[in-house]
Protein backbone atom coordinates (compact mmCIF):
# COMPACT_ATOMS: atom_id res chain seq x y z
CA MET A 1 -14.09 -17.42 26.58
CA THR A 2 -11.57 -17.33 23.76
CA SER A 3 -9.42 -14.24 23.28
CA LYS A 4 -8.16 -13.30 19.86
CA LEU A 5 -4.74 -11.89 19.21
CA PRO A 6 -4.80 -8.47 17.54
CA SER A 7 -4.45 -8.58 13.77
CA VAL A 8 -1.27 -7.15 12.34
CA ILE A 9 -0.56 -5.83 8.87
CA ALA A 10 3.18 -6.27 8.35
CA SER A 11 5.40 -4.87 5.60
CA LEU A 12 6.77 -7.32 3.05
CA SER A 13 9.62 -5.87 0.99
CA ILE A 14 10.94 -7.90 -1.92
CA HIS A 15 14.14 -6.97 -3.73
CA LYS A 16 15.86 -8.27 -6.82
CA ILE A 17 19.44 -9.08 -5.85
CA ASP A 18 20.54 -10.28 -9.27
CA SER A 19 18.99 -11.83 -12.36
CA GLY A 20 16.72 -14.59 -11.09
CA LEU A 21 17.65 -14.00 -7.43
CA TYR A 22 15.37 -12.32 -4.85
CA ASP A 23 15.18 -11.69 -1.12
CA PHE A 24 12.53 -10.42 1.27
CA THR A 25 12.23 -8.68 4.62
CA VAL A 26 9.12 -8.73 6.80
CA SER A 27 8.82 -5.89 9.30
CA CYS A 28 6.24 -4.32 11.56
CA SER A 29 6.33 -0.72 12.81
CA GLY A 30 9.80 -0.37 11.31
CA GLN A 31 11.19 -3.35 13.23
CA PRO A 32 12.45 -6.31 11.15
CA LEU A 33 10.69 -9.56 12.08
CA TYR A 34 12.35 -11.97 9.66
CA GLU A 35 14.08 -12.11 6.30
CA ASP A 36 15.31 -14.65 3.81
CA ALA A 37 17.08 -14.75 0.45
CA GLY A 38 17.91 -17.02 -2.46
CA PHE A 39 14.53 -17.17 -4.20
CA SER A 40 14.33 -17.64 -7.95
CA SER A 41 11.24 -15.45 -8.42
CA VAL A 42 9.03 -12.83 -6.79
CA THR A 43 6.32 -15.50 -6.50
CA GLU A 44 8.65 -17.83 -4.62
CA ALA A 45 9.62 -15.01 -2.23
CA ILE A 46 5.95 -14.18 -1.55
CA VAL A 47 5.08 -17.82 -0.86
CA ALA A 48 8.02 -18.17 1.54
CA ALA A 49 7.24 -14.91 3.35
CA ILE A 50 3.64 -15.82 4.12
CA GLN A 51 4.57 -19.19 5.67
CA GLN A 52 4.55 -17.71 9.15
CA GLU A 53 2.77 -18.25 12.42
CA GLY A 54 1.29 -15.53 14.56
CA PRO A 55 -1.06 -12.60 14.34
CA ILE A 56 -0.07 -11.34 10.87
CA ARG A 57 -3.34 -10.89 8.96
CA GLY A 58 -1.86 -9.36 5.84
CA PHE A 59 1.02 -7.53 4.25
CA GLU A 60 1.73 -4.17 2.70
CA LEU A 61 3.72 -5.47 -0.27
CA SER A 62 6.53 -3.51 -1.87
CA TYR A 63 8.80 -4.57 -4.68
CA GLY A 64 11.97 -2.64 -5.39
CA SER A 65 10.97 0.17 -3.00
CA ILE A 66 7.59 0.71 -4.69
CA VAL A 67 4.49 -0.04 -2.61
CA ILE A 68 2.23 -2.31 -4.63
CA GLY A 69 -0.69 -2.69 -2.24
CA THR A 70 -2.04 -4.27 0.92
CA TYR A 71 -3.12 -7.90 0.74
CA LEU A 72 -4.62 -10.35 3.19
CA CYS A 73 -2.63 -13.54 3.72
CA GLU A 74 -5.50 -15.48 2.11
CA GLU A 75 -5.22 -13.36 -1.05
CA LEU A 76 -1.48 -13.91 -1.26
CA LYS A 77 -1.87 -17.66 -0.79
CA ALA A 78 -4.62 -17.88 -3.40
CA ASP A 79 -2.88 -15.83 -6.10
CA ALA A 80 0.82 -15.36 -5.32
CA ALA A 81 1.78 -15.63 -9.01
CA GLY A 82 -0.81 -13.05 -10.13
CA ILE A 83 0.17 -10.62 -7.39
CA ALA A 84 3.85 -11.10 -8.23
CA ASP A 85 3.13 -10.35 -11.90
CA HIS A 86 1.21 -7.22 -10.88
CA ALA A 87 4.12 -6.12 -8.67
CA MET A 88 6.66 -6.52 -11.47
CA GLU A 89 4.41 -4.73 -13.98
CA ARG A 90 3.69 -1.87 -11.58
CA ARG A 91 7.39 -1.42 -10.78
CA ALA A 92 8.30 -1.40 -14.49
CA VAL A 93 5.66 1.25 -15.26
CA LEU A 94 6.67 3.50 -12.38
CA ARG A 95 10.39 3.17 -13.15
CA GLU A 96 9.78 4.29 -16.75
CA ASN A 97 8.47 7.70 -15.70
């Protein structure tokens, strides 16, 4: 009999450090799991963040402190660029108001 690990939805927070420079933090239940910096785009940060092993099934994605949505790892892998564009557009709209 094979036992499955419980699925986890982690938080993926991406921040713009400077023009063309981004970092990310992955956490679960408020505890940081891993982080990295030095990415040239939101897309690059997403791709790097999802290259993990373990029970993480998906991520609650936030960009610049604005929650964008919850995505399965498969969705992020399949359309990282589209999701990154959506995150940047959503942040811009919400920052305007």
